[in-house]
Structure formats: C-alpha cells, structure tokens
N, C-alpha and C. Protein backbone atom coordinates (compact mmCIF):
# COMPACT_ATOMS: atom_id res chain seq x y z
N MET A 1 -89.95 10.11 -50.02
CA MET A 1 -89.15 9.04 -50.60
C MET A 1 -87.79 9.61 -51.01
N SER A 2 -86.72 8.87 -50.73
CA SER A 2 -85.38 9.35 -51.03
C SER A 2 -85.08 9.23 -52.52
N ASN A 3 -84.20 10.08 -52.97
CA ASN A 3 -83.83 10.08 -54.38
C ASN A 3 -82.96 8.88 -54.72
N SER A 4 -83.12 8.39 -55.94
CA SER A 4 -82.31 7.28 -56.42
C SER A 4 -80.99 7.81 -56.93
N LEU A 5 -79.95 7.05 -56.70
CA LEU A 5 -78.62 7.44 -57.16
C LEU A 5 -78.20 6.44 -58.24
N PHE A 6 -77.85 6.96 -59.40
CA PHE A 6 -77.39 6.08 -60.47
C PHE A 6 -75.88 5.86 -60.33
N ILE A 7 -75.49 4.61 -60.19
CA ILE A 7 -74.08 4.24 -60.10
C ILE A 7 -73.81 3.25 -61.23
N PRO A 8 -72.94 3.62 -62.18
CA PRO A 8 -72.63 2.67 -63.25
C PRO A 8 -71.75 1.52 -62.74
N VAL A 9 -72.27 0.30 -62.78
CA VAL A 9 -71.53 -0.89 -62.35
C VAL A 9 -70.93 -1.53 -63.58
N LYS A 10 -69.61 -1.61 -63.63
CA LYS A 10 -68.89 -2.11 -64.80
C LYS A 10 -69.00 -3.62 -64.93
N GLU A 11 -69.02 -4.33 -63.81
CA GLU A 11 -69.03 -5.79 -63.82
C GLU A 11 -70.42 -6.31 -64.17
N SER A 12 -70.45 -7.49 -64.78
CA SER A 12 -71.74 -8.10 -65.12
C SER A 12 -72.32 -8.81 -63.89
N ILE A 13 -73.61 -9.10 -63.95
CA ILE A 13 -74.26 -9.80 -62.84
C ILE A 13 -73.66 -11.19 -62.68
N LYS A 14 -73.30 -11.81 -63.77
CA LYS A 14 -72.68 -13.14 -63.71
C LYS A 14 -71.35 -13.08 -62.97
N GLU A 15 -70.52 -12.09 -63.28
CA GLU A 15 -69.23 -11.93 -62.59
C GLU A 15 -69.44 -11.67 -61.10
N LEU A 16 -70.42 -10.83 -60.78
CA LEU A 16 -70.68 -10.49 -59.38
C LEU A 16 -71.18 -11.71 -58.60
N ARG A 17 -72.02 -12.52 -59.22
CA ARG A 17 -72.51 -13.74 -58.55
C ARG A 17 -71.38 -14.74 -58.34
N LEU A 18 -70.46 -14.83 -59.29
CA LEU A 18 -69.30 -15.71 -59.12
C LEU A 18 -68.42 -15.22 -57.97
N LEU A 19 -68.22 -13.91 -57.89
CA LEU A 19 -67.47 -13.33 -56.77
C LEU A 19 -68.18 -13.59 -55.45
N LEU A 20 -69.50 -13.52 -55.47
CA LEU A 20 -70.30 -13.75 -54.27
C LEU A 20 -70.09 -15.16 -53.74
N LYS A 21 -70.00 -16.12 -54.64
CA LYS A 21 -69.80 -17.52 -54.23
C LYS A 21 -68.42 -17.75 -53.64
N THR A 22 -67.42 -17.05 -54.15
CA THR A 22 -66.04 -17.32 -53.73
C THR A 22 -65.53 -16.38 -52.64
N SER A 23 -66.30 -15.37 -52.29
CA SER A 23 -65.82 -14.39 -51.31
C SER A 23 -66.18 -14.80 -49.88
N THR A 24 -65.62 -14.06 -48.94
CA THR A 24 -65.89 -14.31 -47.53
C THR A 24 -67.27 -13.76 -47.17
N PRO A 25 -67.89 -14.29 -46.12
CA PRO A 25 -69.23 -13.81 -45.73
C PRO A 25 -69.29 -12.32 -45.41
N MET A 26 -68.18 -11.73 -44.97
CA MET A 26 -68.16 -10.31 -44.67
C MET A 26 -68.43 -9.46 -45.92
N LEU A 27 -68.03 -9.97 -47.09
CA LEU A 27 -68.17 -9.21 -48.32
C LEU A 27 -69.50 -9.46 -49.04
N HIS A 28 -70.28 -10.43 -48.60
CA HIS A 28 -71.53 -10.78 -49.28
C HIS A 28 -72.49 -9.60 -49.40
N PRO A 29 -72.76 -8.83 -48.32
CA PRO A 29 -73.69 -7.71 -48.49
C PRO A 29 -73.21 -6.66 -49.49
N ARG A 30 -71.93 -6.44 -49.57
CA ARG A 30 -71.40 -5.46 -50.52
C ARG A 30 -71.66 -5.91 -51.95
N LEU A 31 -71.42 -7.19 -52.19
CA LEU A 31 -71.63 -7.72 -53.54
C LEU A 31 -73.13 -7.78 -53.86
N LYS A 32 -73.96 -8.11 -52.88
CA LYS A 32 -75.41 -8.11 -53.10
C LYS A 32 -75.89 -6.71 -53.44
N MET A 33 -75.30 -5.70 -52.82
CA MET A 33 -75.64 -4.31 -53.13
C MET A 33 -75.33 -4.01 -54.60
N LEU A 34 -74.15 -4.43 -55.06
CA LEU A 34 -73.78 -4.18 -56.46
C LEU A 34 -74.71 -4.91 -57.42
N ILE A 35 -75.09 -6.13 -57.07
CA ILE A 35 -76.01 -6.89 -57.93
C ILE A 35 -77.35 -6.16 -58.02
N SER A 36 -77.84 -5.64 -56.89
CA SER A 36 -79.11 -4.90 -56.88
C SER A 36 -79.01 -3.63 -57.73
N ILE A 37 -77.89 -2.93 -57.61
CA ILE A 37 -77.69 -1.71 -58.40
C ILE A 37 -77.65 -2.05 -59.88
N LYS A 38 -76.96 -3.13 -60.23
CA LYS A 38 -76.84 -3.54 -61.63
C LYS A 38 -78.20 -3.94 -62.20
N LYS A 39 -79.01 -4.64 -61.39
CA LYS A 39 -80.35 -5.06 -61.85
C LYS A 39 -81.24 -3.86 -62.17
N MET A 40 -81.12 -2.79 -61.40
CA MET A 40 -81.97 -1.61 -61.61
C MET A 40 -81.57 -0.84 -62.87
N GLY A 41 -80.34 -1.01 -63.31
CA GLY A 41 -79.89 -0.38 -64.55
C GLY A 41 -79.81 1.13 -64.46
N ASP A 42 -80.34 1.83 -65.49
CA ASP A 42 -80.23 3.29 -65.59
C ASP A 42 -81.15 4.02 -64.62
N LEU A 43 -82.11 3.31 -64.04
CA LEU A 43 -83.06 3.96 -63.13
C LEU A 43 -82.41 4.39 -61.82
N GLY A 44 -81.43 3.64 -61.38
CA GLY A 44 -80.81 3.92 -60.09
C GLY A 44 -81.66 3.32 -58.98
N ILE A 45 -81.11 3.28 -57.79
CA ILE A 45 -81.82 2.70 -56.66
C ILE A 45 -81.50 3.52 -55.42
N SER A 46 -82.51 3.73 -54.59
CA SER A 46 -82.33 4.56 -53.41
C SER A 46 -81.58 3.80 -52.32
N LYS A 47 -81.01 4.57 -51.40
CA LYS A 47 -80.28 3.98 -50.28
C LYS A 47 -81.23 3.14 -49.42
N ARG A 48 -82.44 3.63 -49.23
CA ARG A 48 -83.43 2.91 -48.42
C ARG A 48 -83.79 1.56 -49.05
N ALA A 49 -83.96 1.54 -50.35
CA ALA A 49 -84.28 0.28 -51.04
C ALA A 49 -83.11 -0.70 -50.92
N LEU A 50 -81.88 -0.18 -51.02
CA LEU A 50 -80.70 -1.03 -50.86
C LEU A 50 -80.61 -1.56 -49.43
N MET A 51 -80.95 -0.72 -48.45
CA MET A 51 -80.93 -1.17 -47.06
C MET A 51 -81.86 -2.35 -46.85
N GLU A 52 -83.06 -2.26 -47.40
CA GLU A 52 -84.04 -3.33 -47.24
C GLU A 52 -83.62 -4.60 -47.99
N GLU A 53 -83.09 -4.41 -49.17
CA GLU A 53 -82.73 -5.57 -49.99
C GLU A 53 -81.48 -6.29 -49.46
N VAL A 54 -80.49 -5.53 -49.01
CA VAL A 54 -79.22 -6.11 -48.57
C VAL A 54 -79.24 -6.47 -47.09
N GLY A 55 -79.98 -5.68 -46.31
CA GLY A 55 -80.03 -5.92 -44.87
C GLY A 55 -78.88 -5.26 -44.12
N ALA A 56 -78.48 -4.09 -44.58
CA ALA A 56 -77.40 -3.35 -43.94
C ALA A 56 -77.92 -1.96 -43.56
N CYS A 57 -77.21 -1.28 -42.68
CA CYS A 57 -77.63 0.05 -42.24
C CYS A 57 -77.29 1.09 -43.31
N SER A 58 -77.91 2.27 -43.16
CA SER A 58 -77.74 3.31 -44.18
C SER A 58 -76.30 3.79 -44.28
N GLN A 59 -75.61 3.85 -43.14
CA GLN A 59 -74.21 4.32 -43.17
C GLN A 59 -73.32 3.34 -43.93
N SER A 60 -73.56 2.03 -43.75
CA SER A 60 -72.78 1.03 -44.49
C SER A 60 -73.03 1.15 -45.98
N ILE A 61 -74.30 1.28 -46.36
CA ILE A 61 -74.64 1.43 -47.78
C ILE A 61 -73.95 2.68 -48.34
N HIS A 62 -74.01 3.77 -47.60
CA HIS A 62 -73.36 5.02 -48.03
C HIS A 62 -71.85 4.82 -48.22
N ASN A 63 -71.21 4.18 -47.23
CA ASN A 63 -69.75 3.95 -47.32
C ASN A 63 -69.41 3.04 -48.49
N TRP A 64 -70.20 2.00 -48.70
CA TRP A 64 -69.91 1.06 -49.79
C TRP A 64 -70.10 1.71 -51.15
N ARG A 65 -71.17 2.50 -51.30
CA ARG A 65 -71.39 3.18 -52.58
C ARG A 65 -70.26 4.17 -52.86
N THR A 66 -69.87 4.92 -51.83
CA THR A 66 -68.78 5.88 -51.99
C THR A 66 -67.47 5.18 -52.36
N ALA A 67 -67.21 4.06 -51.70
CA ALA A 67 -65.99 3.30 -52.00
C ALA A 67 -66.00 2.80 -53.44
N TYR A 68 -67.15 2.30 -53.90
CA TYR A 68 -67.22 1.79 -55.28
C TYR A 68 -67.06 2.91 -56.29
N ILE A 69 -67.67 4.04 -56.01
CA ILE A 69 -67.56 5.18 -56.94
C ILE A 69 -66.12 5.68 -57.02
N SER A 70 -65.45 5.76 -55.87
CA SER A 70 -64.09 6.32 -55.86
C SER A 70 -63.01 5.33 -56.29
N GLY A 71 -63.18 4.03 -56.02
CA GLY A 71 -62.10 3.09 -56.32
C GLY A 71 -62.51 1.82 -57.01
N GLY A 72 -63.77 1.70 -57.36
CA GLY A 72 -64.23 0.51 -58.06
C GLY A 72 -64.35 -0.70 -57.15
N LEU A 73 -64.40 -1.86 -57.77
CA LEU A 73 -64.61 -3.12 -57.05
C LEU A 73 -63.47 -3.41 -56.08
N GLU A 74 -62.25 -3.06 -56.48
CA GLU A 74 -61.08 -3.32 -55.63
C GLU A 74 -61.18 -2.59 -54.28
N LYS A 75 -61.57 -1.33 -54.33
CA LYS A 75 -61.69 -0.56 -53.08
C LYS A 75 -62.89 -1.03 -52.27
N LEU A 76 -63.96 -1.42 -52.92
CA LEU A 76 -65.16 -1.89 -52.21
C LEU A 76 -64.86 -3.17 -51.45
N LEU A 77 -64.09 -4.06 -52.04
CA LEU A 77 -63.82 -5.36 -51.42
C LEU A 77 -62.62 -5.36 -50.50
N SER A 78 -61.89 -4.25 -50.43
CA SER A 78 -60.73 -4.21 -49.53
C SER A 78 -61.20 -4.05 -48.09
N ASN A 79 -60.44 -4.65 -47.19
CA ASN A 79 -60.78 -4.59 -45.77
C ASN A 79 -59.83 -3.61 -45.11
N ALA A 80 -60.37 -2.55 -44.53
CA ALA A 80 -59.53 -1.52 -43.92
C ALA A 80 -59.06 -1.90 -42.52
N ARG A 81 -59.59 -2.96 -41.97
CA ARG A 81 -59.18 -3.37 -40.63
C ARG A 81 -57.79 -3.98 -40.67
N LYS A 82 -57.06 -3.82 -39.59
CA LYS A 82 -55.67 -4.26 -39.56
C LYS A 82 -55.42 -5.46 -38.66
N GLY A 83 -56.42 -6.10 -38.12
CA GLY A 83 -56.18 -7.28 -37.29
C GLY A 83 -55.63 -6.92 -35.94
N ASN A 84 -54.33 -6.80 -35.81
CA ASN A 84 -53.73 -6.47 -34.52
C ASN A 84 -53.13 -5.07 -34.53
N SER A 85 -53.65 -4.21 -35.37
CA SER A 85 -53.22 -2.81 -35.51
C SER A 85 -51.71 -2.64 -35.71
N GLY A 86 -51.09 -3.59 -36.36
CA GLY A 86 -49.70 -3.47 -36.72
C GLY A 86 -48.71 -3.71 -35.61
N LYS A 87 -49.18 -4.12 -34.44
CA LYS A 87 -48.25 -4.36 -33.34
C LYS A 87 -47.50 -5.68 -33.57
N PRO A 88 -46.22 -5.71 -33.30
CA PRO A 88 -45.48 -6.97 -33.45
C PRO A 88 -45.87 -7.94 -32.33
N SER A 89 -45.75 -9.21 -32.61
CA SER A 89 -46.08 -10.24 -31.63
C SER A 89 -45.10 -10.20 -30.46
N VAL A 90 -45.62 -10.51 -29.28
CA VAL A 90 -44.79 -10.57 -28.07
C VAL A 90 -43.85 -11.76 -28.16
N ILE A 91 -44.31 -12.81 -28.83
CA ILE A 91 -43.55 -14.07 -28.92
C ILE A 91 -42.92 -14.16 -30.31
N THR A 92 -41.61 -14.33 -30.34
CA THR A 92 -40.88 -14.42 -31.61
C THR A 92 -41.09 -15.79 -32.25
N PRO A 93 -40.80 -15.93 -33.54
CA PRO A 93 -40.95 -17.23 -34.20
C PRO A 93 -40.10 -18.34 -33.57
N GLU A 94 -38.89 -18.00 -33.10
CA GLU A 94 -38.04 -19.00 -32.44
C GLU A 94 -38.68 -19.48 -31.13
N GLU A 95 -39.23 -18.51 -30.38
CA GLU A 95 -39.90 -18.87 -29.13
C GLU A 95 -41.15 -19.69 -29.39
N LYS A 96 -41.84 -19.39 -30.49
CA LYS A 96 -43.03 -20.15 -30.86
C LYS A 96 -42.68 -21.62 -31.08
N LEU A 97 -41.57 -21.87 -31.77
CA LEU A 97 -41.15 -23.25 -32.00
C LEU A 97 -40.85 -23.99 -30.70
N LEU A 98 -40.19 -23.31 -29.78
CA LEU A 98 -39.88 -23.93 -28.48
C LEU A 98 -41.15 -24.19 -27.66
N ILE A 99 -42.09 -23.26 -27.71
CA ILE A 99 -43.36 -23.45 -27.00
C ILE A 99 -44.13 -24.61 -27.60
N GLU A 100 -44.15 -24.68 -28.93
CA GLU A 100 -44.85 -25.78 -29.60
C GLU A 100 -44.24 -27.12 -29.23
N LYS A 101 -42.90 -27.18 -29.20
CA LYS A 101 -42.21 -28.41 -28.81
C LYS A 101 -42.56 -28.80 -27.38
N LYS A 102 -42.61 -27.82 -26.49
CA LYS A 102 -42.94 -28.07 -25.08
C LYS A 102 -44.38 -28.56 -24.94
N LEU A 103 -45.30 -27.95 -25.68
CA LEU A 103 -46.71 -28.33 -25.57
C LEU A 103 -47.00 -29.70 -26.18
N LYS A 104 -46.26 -30.07 -27.22
CA LYS A 104 -46.51 -31.35 -27.88
C LYS A 104 -45.79 -32.52 -27.23
N ASP A 105 -44.91 -32.22 -26.29
CA ASP A 105 -44.19 -33.27 -25.57
C ASP A 105 -45.14 -33.91 -24.55
N PRO A 106 -45.43 -35.23 -24.67
CA PRO A 106 -46.39 -35.85 -23.75
C PRO A 106 -45.88 -35.94 -22.31
N LYS A 107 -44.62 -35.83 -22.10
CA LYS A 107 -44.03 -35.92 -20.76
C LYS A 107 -43.64 -34.55 -20.20
N ASN A 108 -44.23 -33.46 -20.74
CA ASN A 108 -43.78 -32.13 -20.34
C ASN A 108 -44.19 -31.72 -18.94
N GLY A 109 -45.31 -32.25 -18.44
CA GLY A 109 -45.73 -31.93 -17.09
C GLY A 109 -46.44 -30.60 -16.93
N LEU A 110 -46.80 -29.92 -18.03
CA LEU A 110 -47.54 -28.67 -17.92
C LEU A 110 -49.01 -29.00 -17.66
N ALA A 111 -49.54 -28.47 -16.56
CA ALA A 111 -50.93 -28.75 -16.20
C ALA A 111 -51.87 -27.65 -16.67
N GLY A 112 -51.36 -26.51 -17.10
CA GLY A 112 -52.24 -25.43 -17.54
C GLY A 112 -51.45 -24.25 -18.04
N TYR A 113 -52.19 -23.18 -18.33
CA TYR A 113 -51.59 -21.99 -18.91
C TYR A 113 -50.75 -21.22 -17.89
N ILE A 114 -51.08 -21.34 -16.61
CA ILE A 114 -50.27 -20.67 -15.59
C ILE A 114 -48.87 -21.27 -15.56
N GLU A 115 -48.80 -22.59 -15.65
CA GLU A 115 -47.48 -23.24 -15.69
C GLU A 115 -46.75 -22.89 -16.98
N LEU A 116 -47.49 -22.77 -18.08
CA LEU A 116 -46.87 -22.35 -19.34
C LEU A 116 -46.33 -20.93 -19.20
N GLN A 117 -47.08 -20.07 -18.55
CA GLN A 117 -46.64 -18.69 -18.31
C GLN A 117 -45.36 -18.66 -17.48
N GLN A 118 -45.32 -19.47 -16.44
CA GLN A 118 -44.13 -19.54 -15.59
C GLN A 118 -42.94 -20.09 -16.38
N TRP A 119 -43.18 -21.10 -17.21
CA TRP A 119 -42.12 -21.69 -18.02
C TRP A 119 -41.56 -20.65 -19.00
N ILE A 120 -42.45 -19.86 -19.62
CA ILE A 120 -42.01 -18.82 -20.55
C ILE A 120 -41.18 -17.77 -19.83
N GLU A 121 -41.61 -17.37 -18.64
CA GLU A 121 -40.85 -16.38 -17.87
C GLU A 121 -39.46 -16.90 -17.52
N LYS A 122 -39.39 -18.19 -17.15
CA LYS A 122 -38.10 -18.79 -16.77
C LYS A 122 -37.21 -19.00 -17.99
N GLU A 123 -37.80 -19.50 -19.07
CA GLU A 123 -37.03 -19.89 -20.25
C GLU A 123 -36.57 -18.67 -21.08
N PHE A 124 -37.45 -17.69 -21.27
CA PHE A 124 -37.16 -16.57 -22.16
C PHE A 124 -36.87 -15.26 -21.42
N ASN A 125 -36.96 -15.27 -20.10
CA ASN A 125 -36.73 -14.08 -19.29
C ASN A 125 -37.60 -12.90 -19.74
N LYS A 126 -38.87 -13.18 -19.97
CA LYS A 126 -39.79 -12.11 -20.33
C LYS A 126 -41.12 -12.36 -19.64
N GLU A 127 -41.77 -11.28 -19.25
CA GLU A 127 -43.05 -11.38 -18.57
C GLU A 127 -44.16 -11.22 -19.60
N VAL A 128 -45.02 -12.24 -19.69
CA VAL A 128 -46.12 -12.23 -20.63
C VAL A 128 -47.42 -12.43 -19.85
N LYS A 129 -48.43 -11.66 -20.18
CA LYS A 129 -49.70 -11.75 -19.46
C LYS A 129 -50.39 -13.09 -19.74
N TYR A 130 -51.19 -13.53 -18.76
CA TYR A 130 -51.89 -14.81 -18.85
C TYR A 130 -52.81 -14.84 -20.08
N ASN A 131 -53.60 -13.79 -20.28
CA ASN A 131 -54.53 -13.78 -21.42
C ASN A 131 -53.79 -13.80 -22.75
N THR A 132 -52.64 -13.18 -22.81
CA THR A 132 -51.85 -13.21 -24.04
C THR A 132 -51.43 -14.63 -24.36
N ILE A 133 -50.96 -15.36 -23.35
CA ILE A 133 -50.54 -16.75 -23.56
C ILE A 133 -51.74 -17.62 -23.91
N LEU A 134 -52.85 -17.41 -23.22
CA LEU A 134 -54.06 -18.18 -23.46
C LEU A 134 -54.52 -18.02 -24.91
N LYS A 135 -54.70 -16.79 -25.35
CA LYS A 135 -55.17 -16.53 -26.72
C LYS A 135 -54.14 -16.97 -27.76
N TYR A 136 -52.85 -16.78 -27.47
CA TYR A 136 -51.80 -17.19 -28.41
C TYR A 136 -51.81 -18.71 -28.61
N ALA A 137 -51.93 -19.45 -27.50
CA ALA A 137 -51.95 -20.92 -27.59
C ALA A 137 -53.20 -21.41 -28.31
N MET A 138 -54.32 -20.78 -28.05
CA MET A 138 -55.56 -21.18 -28.71
C MET A 138 -55.50 -20.89 -30.21
N ARG A 139 -54.97 -19.72 -30.57
CA ARG A 139 -54.90 -19.31 -31.96
C ARG A 139 -53.86 -20.10 -32.76
N ASN A 140 -52.69 -20.35 -32.17
CA ASN A 140 -51.60 -20.96 -32.92
C ASN A 140 -51.50 -22.48 -32.78
N PHE A 141 -51.95 -23.01 -31.66
CA PHE A 141 -51.77 -24.44 -31.43
C PHE A 141 -53.09 -25.19 -31.29
N GLY A 142 -54.21 -24.48 -31.35
CA GLY A 142 -55.51 -25.13 -31.26
C GLY A 142 -55.81 -25.70 -29.88
N SER A 143 -55.17 -25.18 -28.85
CA SER A 143 -55.41 -25.70 -27.50
C SER A 143 -56.71 -25.12 -26.96
N SER A 144 -57.21 -25.74 -25.90
CA SER A 144 -58.42 -25.23 -25.27
C SER A 144 -58.20 -25.20 -23.77
N VAL A 145 -59.07 -24.48 -23.07
CA VAL A 145 -58.87 -24.24 -21.66
C VAL A 145 -59.08 -25.50 -20.83
N LYS A 146 -60.19 -26.19 -21.05
CA LYS A 146 -60.52 -27.34 -20.21
C LYS A 146 -60.49 -28.62 -21.05
N VAL A 147 -59.44 -29.38 -20.90
CA VAL A 147 -59.30 -30.65 -21.61
C VAL A 147 -58.85 -31.68 -20.59
N ALA A 148 -59.57 -32.78 -20.53
CA ALA A 148 -59.19 -33.83 -19.59
C ALA A 148 -57.95 -34.53 -20.11
N ARG A 149 -57.05 -34.85 -19.22
CA ARG A 149 -55.84 -35.58 -19.60
C ARG A 149 -56.17 -37.05 -19.66
N LYS A 150 -55.58 -37.75 -20.60
CA LYS A 150 -55.80 -39.18 -20.73
C LYS A 150 -55.09 -39.95 -19.64
N SER A 151 -53.93 -39.51 -19.26
CA SER A 151 -53.19 -40.19 -18.21
C SER A 151 -52.24 -39.20 -17.55
N HIS A 152 -51.77 -39.56 -16.39
CA HIS A 152 -50.86 -38.69 -15.66
C HIS A 152 -49.49 -38.72 -16.32
N VAL A 153 -48.83 -37.58 -16.38
CA VAL A 153 -47.54 -37.50 -17.08
C VAL A 153 -46.42 -38.20 -16.32
N LYS A 154 -46.57 -38.37 -15.00
CA LYS A 154 -45.50 -38.96 -14.21
C LYS A 154 -45.78 -40.41 -13.81
N LYS A 155 -46.75 -41.03 -14.47
CA LYS A 155 -47.09 -42.40 -14.06
C LYS A 155 -45.99 -43.38 -14.46
N ASP A 156 -45.90 -44.42 -13.70
CA ASP A 156 -44.89 -45.45 -13.92
C ASP A 156 -45.47 -46.50 -14.85
N GLU A 157 -44.88 -46.64 -16.04
CA GLU A 157 -45.39 -47.59 -17.04
C GLU A 157 -45.32 -49.04 -16.55
N LEU A 158 -44.26 -49.39 -15.80
CA LEU A 158 -44.13 -50.76 -15.28
C LEU A 158 -45.22 -51.07 -14.27
N ALA A 159 -45.55 -50.11 -13.43
CA ALA A 159 -46.61 -50.31 -12.45
C ALA A 159 -47.96 -50.51 -13.14
N VAL A 160 -48.19 -49.81 -14.24
CA VAL A 160 -49.44 -49.96 -14.99
C VAL A 160 -49.52 -51.37 -15.58
N GLU A 161 -48.43 -51.84 -16.17
CA GLU A 161 -48.42 -53.19 -16.75
C GLU A 161 -48.65 -54.26 -15.69
N SER A 162 -47.99 -54.15 -14.55
CA SER A 162 -48.19 -55.15 -13.49
C SER A 162 -49.61 -55.10 -12.95
N PHE A 163 -50.20 -53.92 -12.90
CA PHE A 163 -51.60 -53.78 -12.44
C PHE A 163 -52.54 -54.47 -13.42
N LYS A 164 -52.29 -54.27 -14.73
CA LYS A 164 -53.16 -54.89 -15.74
C LYS A 164 -53.04 -56.41 -15.68
N LYS A 165 -51.83 -56.93 -15.50
CA LYS A 165 -51.64 -58.37 -15.43
C LYS A 165 -52.34 -58.95 -14.22
N ALA A 166 -52.26 -58.26 -13.09
CA ALA A 166 -52.88 -58.74 -11.85
C ALA A 166 -54.39 -58.69 -11.94
N SER A 167 -54.96 -57.74 -12.65
CA SER A 167 -56.41 -57.62 -12.72
C SER A 167 -57.03 -58.61 -13.68
N PHE A 168 -56.27 -59.12 -14.67
CA PHE A 168 -56.79 -60.08 -15.63
C PHE A 168 -56.71 -61.53 -15.15
N LYS A 169 -56.07 -61.81 -14.02
CA LYS A 169 -55.90 -63.17 -13.56
C LYS A 169 -57.17 -63.75 -12.96
N LYS A 170 -58.15 -62.98 -12.65
CA LYS A 170 -59.39 -63.47 -12.04
C LYS A 170 -60.11 -64.43 -12.86
C-alpha cells in the first residue's frame, strides 16, 4: 500500500464546492481531488486512493498535488495550454470584417469554401490553405460544411412572381 501524503488545504470544503459548480469541466477533477484531501484531514490520502476517487491517472494526481503545494489554488487551476501556441492569425481583423460581410451577403454567389479561398486570394493577395479557411469560418462565423441553400443566388425575382401567379390560377 502506498504512503499517504498530508497536504494542508487552506480552502474550506464549502468554498471548493462553490468553485466546483462555477468552474469549467476540465477543472472538476482537480477540485474533487482537493475536496477529498480536505475531507481526510490530518491523516492524508494516498495517490492511489485519489486516483480511484477522482478518476484520473497517477501522473495527473502527482502533477496536481505538486502544483497545489508549490503555488496554491491559483497554480492548480491555471491552464498551461496556449491554444494556438502564440502564433498570430493568418487573417487580420480588417480582413475578417470583409470576409464576414461577404459571407452574410445573400447575393454573394459563394458556393463553398473553395470559392471563398479563391476570393481571399484575389481580394487580399495572400495564399491561405483550405483547412485554415474552413476551420476559421466554422470557428468565427458558425458556418458548416454541408448546408442546403434555400434558393439560388442568381434567380430572377420577377420570374418567380410570375410563376407563382400562373400556378395559383388553376
């Protein structure tokens, strides 16, 4: 059986449960670990017992305990991941506004992301990969790959009206 490690938890169980309710799901196991440690009190709790109770691997438990000991709750709850590793976006904010305007225009005539890619190359004189445009449009504008169009962008409104009038005369 592994030895228990005593870690003094400064926060109360009530505070930790409140944090658990308001935090993101990624942080829930970390806070559950602290609650378990606090419940055990001066006895301490082994890494194996924490693994079973929290449902995390031994390395995660080790990292979280070390983070709490060295930096407290702030370091435990901080996320070391950087999202896009600090790289600047290929598309500038000004270009984003123009792309958004083009995508929201009902008469724009863009049939897909390939046409959007070609439009970006022509308009901004920059080459952007298809997947970059696809993910950027999905993330920023909520677009999706396969969406049926309600009507053709080049249809003649007068022809539609005359068709409707002719079909209702029966």
